[in-house]
């Protein structure tokens, strides 16, 4: 069951990252990837830790996607 959850969460996380890439939100993408890496390191690379990191990263991605509006200035 865990593998199905990881697969679904990974799909949505990658879909959100792709949407951010297409809309040129590079800073948000970088924050999402860094959050996943940091959370993975904190939880020791275990299966449960990876699930926590992936879900946390997805929730951060959703927050950044919907809560913060893109400015008219290119960031990178």
N, C-alpha and C. Protein backbone atom coordinates (compact mmCIF):
# COMPACT_ATOMS: atom_id res chain seq x y z
N UNK A 1 0.83 -1.20 0.00
CA UNK A 1 0.00 0.00 0.00
C UNK A 1 0.87 1.26 0.00
N UNK A 2 2.00 1.21 0.72
CA UNK A 2 2.86 2.38 0.79
C UNK A 2 3.39 2.76 -0.59
N UNK A 3 3.68 1.74 -1.40
CA UNK A 3 4.24 2.01 -2.71
C UNK A 3 3.23 2.70 -3.62
N UNK A 4 1.97 2.38 -3.48
CA UNK A 4 0.92 3.05 -4.26
C UNK A 4 0.83 4.51 -3.85
N UNK A 5 0.86 4.76 -2.56
CA UNK A 5 0.80 6.14 -2.06
C UNK A 5 2.01 6.93 -2.54
N UNK A 6 3.19 6.33 -2.44
CA UNK A 6 4.41 7.01 -2.90
C UNK A 6 4.32 7.32 -4.38
N UNK A 7 3.81 6.37 -5.17
CA UNK A 7 3.66 6.59 -6.61
C UNK A 7 2.71 7.72 -6.93
N UNK A 8 1.59 7.77 -6.26
CA UNK A 8 0.59 8.83 -6.51
C UNK A 8 1.15 10.18 -6.09
N UNK A 9 1.75 10.25 -4.92
CA UNK A 9 2.30 11.52 -4.43
C UNK A 9 3.44 11.98 -5.34
N UNK A 10 4.28 11.04 -5.78
CA UNK A 10 5.39 11.40 -6.68
C UNK A 10 4.87 11.95 -8.00
N UNK A 11 3.82 11.32 -8.54
CA UNK A 11 3.23 11.81 -9.78
C UNK A 11 2.75 13.25 -9.63
N UNK A 12 1.98 13.52 -8.57
CA UNK A 12 1.47 14.87 -8.38
C UNK A 12 2.59 15.87 -8.12
N UNK A 13 3.60 15.46 -7.38
CA UNK A 13 4.72 16.36 -7.11
C UNK A 13 5.45 16.71 -8.41
N UNK A 14 5.70 15.71 -9.26
CA UNK A 14 6.38 15.97 -10.53
C UNK A 14 5.50 16.79 -11.48
N UNK A 15 4.18 16.56 -11.44
CA UNK A 15 3.28 17.34 -12.28
C UNK A 15 3.29 18.81 -11.86
N UNK A 16 3.34 19.07 -10.57
CA UNK A 16 3.40 20.44 -10.08
C UNK A 16 4.72 21.09 -10.48
N UNK A 17 5.83 20.34 -10.36
CA UNK A 17 7.13 20.88 -10.76
C UNK A 17 7.15 21.19 -12.26
N UNK A 18 6.54 20.33 -13.07
CA UNK A 18 6.47 20.58 -14.51
C UNK A 18 5.66 21.85 -14.80
N UNK A 19 4.56 22.03 -14.10
CA UNK A 19 3.73 23.23 -14.27
C UNK A 19 4.54 24.48 -13.91
N UNK A 20 5.31 24.41 -12.84
CA UNK A 20 6.13 25.55 -12.45
C UNK A 20 7.22 25.82 -13.48
N UNK A 21 7.78 24.78 -14.06
CA UNK A 21 8.79 24.96 -15.10
C UNK A 21 8.18 25.63 -16.32
N UNK A 22 6.99 25.21 -16.70
CA UNK A 22 6.33 25.77 -17.87
C UNK A 22 5.93 27.23 -17.67
N UNK A 23 5.64 27.60 -16.43
CA UNK A 23 5.27 28.99 -16.14
C UNK A 23 6.44 29.82 -15.65
N UNK A 24 7.64 29.28 -15.78
CA UNK A 24 8.90 29.96 -15.44
C UNK A 24 8.99 30.39 -13.98
N UNK A 25 8.53 29.53 -13.09
CA UNK A 25 8.64 29.79 -11.65
C UNK A 25 9.81 28.99 -11.10
N UNK A 26 11.01 29.38 -11.50
CA UNK A 26 12.21 28.62 -11.20
C UNK A 26 12.58 28.65 -9.72
N UNK A 27 12.34 29.76 -9.06
CA UNK A 27 12.68 29.86 -7.64
C UNK A 27 11.79 28.92 -6.83
N UNK A 28 10.51 28.86 -7.15
CA UNK A 28 9.60 27.93 -6.48
C UNK A 28 10.05 26.49 -6.70
N UNK A 29 10.45 26.17 -7.93
CA UNK A 29 10.94 24.83 -8.23
C UNK A 29 12.15 24.47 -7.38
N UNK A 30 13.07 25.41 -7.28
CA UNK A 30 14.28 25.18 -6.50
C UNK A 30 13.94 24.96 -5.03
N UNK A 31 13.02 25.76 -4.49
CA UNK A 31 12.60 25.58 -3.09
C UNK A 31 11.97 24.21 -2.87
N UNK A 32 11.14 23.75 -3.81
CA UNK A 32 10.51 22.44 -3.69
C UNK A 32 11.55 21.32 -3.67
N UNK A 33 12.50 21.39 -4.58
CA UNK A 33 13.52 20.35 -4.67
C UNK A 33 14.41 20.37 -3.43
N UNK A 34 14.79 21.55 -2.97
CA UNK A 34 15.61 21.65 -1.77
C UNK A 34 14.86 21.13 -0.54
N UNK A 35 13.57 21.43 -0.46
CA UNK A 35 12.77 20.94 0.67
C UNK A 35 12.75 19.42 0.68
N UNK A 36 12.58 18.80 -0.48
CA UNK A 36 12.58 17.34 -0.54
C UNK A 36 13.93 16.76 -0.11
N UNK A 37 15.01 17.35 -0.60
CA UNK A 37 16.35 16.86 -0.26
C UNK A 37 16.62 16.99 1.24
N UNK A 38 16.29 18.15 1.79
CA UNK A 38 16.53 18.38 3.22
C UNK A 38 15.69 17.44 4.08
N UNK A 39 14.40 17.30 3.73
CA UNK A 39 13.54 16.40 4.50
C UNK A 39 14.00 14.95 4.38
N UNK A 40 14.48 14.55 3.21
CA UNK A 40 15.00 13.19 3.04
C UNK A 40 16.20 12.94 3.92
N UNK A 41 17.08 13.93 4.02
CA UNK A 41 18.26 13.80 4.88
C UNK A 41 17.88 13.77 6.35
N UNK A 42 16.91 14.59 6.73
CA UNK A 42 16.49 14.65 8.13
C UNK A 42 15.91 13.31 8.58
N UNK A 43 15.10 12.68 7.74
CA UNK A 43 14.44 11.44 8.12
C UNK A 43 15.23 10.20 7.76
N UNK A 44 16.49 10.34 7.38
CA UNK A 44 17.41 9.23 7.28
C UNK A 44 17.30 8.32 6.07
N UNK A 45 16.57 8.69 5.05
CA UNK A 45 16.50 7.87 3.85
C UNK A 45 15.70 6.59 3.99
N UNK A 46 14.91 6.45 5.03
CA UNK A 46 14.07 5.27 5.18
C UNK A 46 12.82 5.41 4.32
N UNK A 47 12.09 4.33 4.15
CA UNK A 47 10.87 4.37 3.35
C UNK A 47 9.86 5.35 3.96
N UNK A 48 9.69 5.28 5.26
CA UNK A 48 8.78 6.21 5.92
C UNK A 48 9.25 7.65 5.81
N UNK A 49 10.56 7.83 5.93
CA UNK A 49 11.13 9.17 5.78
C UNK A 49 10.95 9.72 4.38
N UNK A 50 11.09 8.85 3.38
CA UNK A 50 10.89 9.30 2.00
C UNK A 50 9.43 9.67 1.76
N UNK A 51 8.50 8.92 2.37
CA UNK A 51 7.09 9.26 2.24
C UNK A 51 6.81 10.62 2.88
N UNK A 52 7.36 10.84 4.06
CA UNK A 52 7.17 12.12 4.73
C UNK A 52 7.76 13.24 3.90
N UNK A 53 8.97 13.02 3.36
CA UNK A 53 9.62 14.05 2.55
C UNK A 53 8.83 14.35 1.29
N UNK A 54 8.34 13.32 0.62
CA UNK A 54 7.60 13.52 -0.63
C UNK A 54 6.28 14.24 -0.37
N UNK A 55 5.57 13.84 0.67
CA UNK A 55 4.30 14.50 0.98
C UNK A 55 4.54 15.94 1.43
N UNK A 56 5.55 16.16 2.26
CA UNK A 56 5.87 17.53 2.69
C UNK A 56 6.27 18.40 1.52
N UNK A 57 7.05 17.85 0.61
CA UNK A 57 7.47 18.60 -0.57
C UNK A 57 6.27 18.91 -1.46
N UNK A 58 5.35 17.95 -1.60
CA UNK A 58 4.16 18.19 -2.42
C UNK A 58 3.28 19.28 -1.81
N UNK A 59 3.11 19.24 -0.50
CA UNK A 59 2.29 20.27 0.16
C UNK A 59 2.93 21.65 0.02
N UNK A 60 4.25 21.72 0.14
CA UNK A 60 4.94 22.99 -0.08
C UNK A 60 4.77 23.45 -1.52
N UNK A 61 4.85 22.52 -2.46
CA UNK A 61 4.66 22.85 -3.87
C UNK A 61 3.29 23.43 -4.12
N UNK A 62 2.27 22.79 -3.53
CA UNK A 62 0.90 23.29 -3.70
C UNK A 62 0.74 24.67 -3.08
N UNK A 63 1.32 24.86 -1.92
CA UNK A 63 1.24 26.17 -1.27
C UNK A 63 1.88 27.25 -2.13
N UNK A 64 3.09 26.98 -2.61
CA UNK A 64 3.77 27.97 -3.43
C UNK A 64 3.06 28.20 -4.76
N UNK A 65 2.42 27.16 -5.28
CA UNK A 65 1.73 27.30 -6.56
C UNK A 65 0.49 28.18 -6.45
N UNK A 66 -0.27 28.02 -5.36
CA UNK A 66 -1.54 28.73 -5.25
C UNK A 66 -1.51 29.97 -4.36
N UNK A 67 -0.64 30.02 -3.37
CA UNK A 67 -0.68 31.12 -2.41
C UNK A 67 0.13 32.32 -2.85
N UNK A 68 1.17 32.11 -3.61
CA UNK A 68 2.04 33.21 -4.00
C UNK A 68 1.87 33.49 -5.48
N UNK A 69 1.49 34.69 -5.78
CA UNK A 69 1.31 35.08 -7.18
C UNK A 69 2.65 35.39 -7.82
N UNK A 70 2.78 35.05 -9.08
CA UNK A 70 4.01 35.33 -9.81
C UNK A 70 4.04 36.83 -10.15
N UNK A 71 5.19 37.45 -9.91
CA UNK A 71 5.34 38.86 -10.24
C UNK A 71 5.65 38.98 -11.73
N UNK A 72 5.62 40.20 -12.21
CA UNK A 72 5.89 40.46 -13.61
C UNK A 72 7.37 40.41 -13.93
N UNK A 73 8.22 40.33 -12.93
CA UNK A 73 9.67 40.34 -13.11
C UNK A 73 10.16 38.90 -13.21
N UNK A 74 11.02 38.63 -14.18
CA UNK A 74 11.62 37.29 -14.29
C UNK A 74 12.63 37.13 -13.15
N UNK A 75 12.59 35.99 -12.49
CA UNK A 75 13.45 35.78 -11.35
C UNK A 75 14.83 35.28 -11.72
N UNK A 76 14.92 34.49 -12.76
CA UNK A 76 16.22 33.98 -13.20
C UNK A 76 16.33 34.12 -14.70
